[in-house]
Protein backbone atom coordinates (compact mmCIF):
# COMPACT_ATOMS: atom_id res chain seq x y z
CA MET A 1 -11.91 -20.20 12.45
CA SER A 2 -10.31 -23.64 12.64
CA ARG A 3 -6.85 -24.07 14.06
CA PRO A 4 -5.34 -25.20 10.65
CA ALA A 5 -6.97 -22.17 8.85
CA THR A 6 -5.58 -19.86 11.50
CA LEU A 7 -2.13 -21.34 11.19
CA PHE A 8 -2.24 -21.13 7.39
CA LEU A 9 -3.37 -17.44 7.45
CA GLY A 10 -0.69 -16.57 10.03
CA LEU A 11 2.06 -18.20 7.97
CA ALA A 12 0.80 -16.53 4.83
CA LEU A 13 1.00 -13.16 6.51
CA LEU A 14 4.56 -13.90 7.70
CA PHE A 15 5.52 -14.83 4.16
CA LEU A 16 3.96 -11.65 2.76
CA ALA A 17 5.92 -9.55 5.24
CA ALA A 18 9.23 -11.37 4.46
CA ALA A 19 8.63 -11.04 0.76
CA ALA A 20 7.84 -7.33 1.01
CA LEU A 21 10.86 -6.60 3.19
CA GLY A 22 13.13 -8.63 0.81
CA ALA A 23 11.81 -6.78 -2.19
CA ILE A 24 12.15 -3.40 -0.48
CA ILE A 25 15.83 -4.17 0.22
CA ALA A 26 16.33 -5.22 -3.39
CA PHE A 27 14.68 -2.13 -4.86
CA TRP A 28 15.91 0.48 -2.35
CA PRO A 29 18.04 2.94 -4.33
CA ALA A 30 21.79 3.09 -3.51
CA ASP A 31 21.82 6.72 -4.71
CA SER A 32 18.50 8.51 -4.70
CA ALA A 33 19.60 11.01 -7.35
CA SER A 34 20.47 8.56 -10.11
CA LEU A 35 19.01 5.61 -11.96
CA ARG A 36 18.83 2.45 -9.92
CA GLY A 37 21.01 0.38 -12.15
CA ARG A 38 20.40 -3.35 -11.90
CA VAL A 39 17.99 -5.05 -9.61
CA THR A 40 18.11 -8.80 -8.90
CA VAL A 41 14.66 -10.27 -8.26
CA VAL A 42 13.17 -13.73 -8.58
CA PHE A 43 13.09 -13.56 -12.42
CA GLY A 44 16.74 -12.44 -12.83
CA SER A 45 18.64 -9.21 -12.97
CA ARG A 46 17.54 -6.23 -15.03
CA ALA A 47 18.00 -2.48 -15.33
CA ILE A 48 15.04 -0.36 -14.33
CA PRO A 49 14.50 3.39 -14.65
CA ARG A 50 14.26 5.52 -11.56
CA GLU A 51 10.52 6.23 -12.10
CA THR A 52 9.75 2.49 -12.18
CA ASP A 53 11.90 2.00 -9.10
CA LEU A 54 9.86 4.63 -7.23
CA LEU A 55 6.58 3.06 -8.34
CA VAL A 56 7.69 -0.38 -7.22
CA LEU A 57 8.80 1.05 -3.88
CA THR A 58 5.40 2.68 -3.49
CA ILE A 59 3.65 -0.62 -4.09
CA LEU A 60 5.97 -2.51 -1.70
CA PHE A 61 5.65 0.04 1.15
CA GLY A 62 1.88 0.11 0.64
CA ALA A 63 1.90 -3.70 1.02
CA LEU A 64 4.08 -3.47 4.08
CA GLY A 65 1.72 -0.88 5.63
CA GLY A 66 -1.23 -3.09 4.78
CA PHE A 67 0.49 -6.09 6.30
CA LEU A 68 1.09 -4.15 9.53
CA HIS A 69 -2.60 -3.35 9.71
CA VAL A 70 -3.66 -6.91 8.92
CA ALA A 71 -1.10 -8.48 11.28
CA ARG A 72 -2.14 -6.34 14.17
CA SER A 73 -5.78 -7.25 13.63
CA PHE A 74 -4.96 -10.93 13.08
CA ALA A 75 -2.80 -11.11 16.24
CA THR A 76 -5.54 -9.46 18.32
CA PHE A 77 -8.39 -11.68 17.11
CA ALA A 78 -6.38 -14.84 17.00
CA GLY A 79 -5.00 -14.22 20.51
CA ASN A 80 -8.49 -13.63 21.84
CA ARG A 81 -9.80 -16.66 19.98
CA ALA A 82 -12.31 -14.47 18.25
CA LEU A 83 -11.04 -14.88 14.66
CA VAL A 84 -13.96 -15.85 12.32
CA ALA A 85 -13.79 -17.32 8.86
CA SER A 86 -16.01 -14.61 7.35
CA TRP A 87 -13.14 -12.19 7.67
CA MET A 88 -10.69 -14.30 5.68
CA TRP A 89 -11.24 -12.32 2.50
CA TRP A 90 -10.57 -9.07 4.37
CA TYR A 91 -7.22 -10.42 5.63
CA CYS A 92 -6.30 -11.61 2.11
CA LEU A 93 -7.38 -8.50 0.21
CA GLN A 94 -6.38 -5.75 2.59
CA PRO A 95 -2.65 -5.68 1.55
CA PHE A 96 -3.75 -5.34 -2.07
CA VAL A 97 -6.15 -2.48 -1.21
CA ALA A 98 -3.28 -0.91 0.63
CA MET A 99 -0.97 -1.20 -2.41
CA ALA A 100 -3.57 0.30 -4.68
CA LEU A 101 -4.22 3.14 -2.28
CA ALA A 102 -0.55 3.84 -1.99
CA VAL A 103 -0.20 4.04 -5.79
CA VAL A 104 -3.25 6.44 -6.00
CA LEU A 105 -1.80 8.58 -3.20
CA TYR A 106 1.64 8.58 -4.88
CA ALA A 107 0.02 9.81 -8.15
CA VAL A 108 -1.81 12.56 -6.29
CA VAL A 109 1.30 13.70 -4.50
CA ARG A 110 3.54 13.52 -7.59
CA GLY A 111 0.95 15.20 -9.74
CA GLY A 112 -0.11 17.88 -7.39
CA PHE A 113 2.89 18.79 -5.15
CA PHE A 114 5.77 18.75 -7.65
CA ALA A 115 6.39 21.13 -10.51
CA ALA A 116 5.53 19.74 -13.97
CA GLY A 117 9.20 19.53 -14.81
CA ALA A 118 10.23 17.69 -11.59
CA SER A 119 12.09 14.52 -12.36
CA ALA A 120 12.14 11.24 -10.50
CA ALA A 121 15.57 12.21 -9.09
CA ASP A 122 13.75 15.00 -7.12
CA VAL A 123 11.68 12.48 -5.17
CA SER A 124 12.90 11.37 -1.81
CA PRO A 125 12.60 7.62 -1.41
CA TYR A 126 12.17 8.19 2.35
CA GLY A 127 9.17 10.50 1.96
CA LEU A 128 7.73 8.08 -0.59
CA ALA A 129 8.22 5.11 1.81
CA ALA A 130 6.62 7.02 4.71
CA THR A 131 3.62 8.13 2.70
CA SER A 132 3.01 4.78 1.07
CA GLY A 133 3.50 2.82 4.32
CA LEU A 134 1.18 5.11 6.31
CA ALA A 135 -1.48 4.96 3.53
CA GLY A 136 -1.29 1.15 3.77
CA MET A 137 -1.40 1.02 7.58
CA PHE A 138 -4.25 3.47 7.81
CA SER A 139 -6.06 2.63 4.62
CA LYS A 140 -9.57 2.95 6.16
CA GLN A 141 -8.82 6.36 7.65
CA THR A 142 -7.12 7.44 4.41
CA THR A 143 -10.09 6.46 2.23
CA ASP A 144 -12.53 8.00 4.74
CA LYS A 145 -10.59 11.32 4.73
CA LEU A 146 -10.33 11.38 0.90
CA ASN A 147 -14.06 10.69 0.67
CA GLU A 148 -14.76 13.54 3.06
CA LEU A 149 -12.42 15.86 1.17
CA PHE A 150 -13.80 15.09 -2.25
CA SER A 151 -17.41 15.16 -1.01
CA ALA A 152 -16.87 18.69 0.31
CA MET A 153 -14.94 19.87 -2.73
CA PHE A 154 -17.24 18.47 -5.35
CA ARG A 155 -20.62 18.63 -3.59
CA THR A 156 -23.66 18.72 -5.90
CA GLY A 157 -27.33 18.52 -5.29
CA ALA A 158 -27.70 15.76 -7.85
CA ASP A 159 -27.06 12.94 -5.35
CA GLU A 160 -29.97 13.96 -3.13
CA ALA A 161 -32.27 14.00 -6.17
CA ARG A 162 -31.50 10.41 -7.17
CA ALA A 163 -34.17 7.90 -6.29
CA ASP A 164 -31.80 4.88 -6.35
CA LYS A 165 -28.86 6.11 -4.22
CA ALA A 166 -26.19 3.52 -3.46
């Protein structure tokens, strides 16, 4: 990859990290048992419900975890002068993959591990941050393990019978 492209990608990753950290600070609940109150972001100040606050934190920590994964890879390959342009899309899309994976994992955890009547006030923002961040950092391992789990749980013989398997 050319030197200007490497510099641009590195600066974009730094911007992503700074933006995610700034947004996490803005959205972090002052009192985890109540509504967040008002949040000031780029588009002004507004009140958001606790459930939305938790979802935004999930997305942000997923992005931060994805950034950590991407930044580690970028630093390794750029430092060894082995960074190639064909991986540019992976570096750009990985934080978004991590965010989506964090949201799916959040929905699984909220839907499966809490009682039906559990409210957003019952969710620890620390546990949510840890789960989302780790899902983002280890998105490949997370998706591989979920694939393994669901393949074992929902195994059928229909896939072997298909002539045009993907």
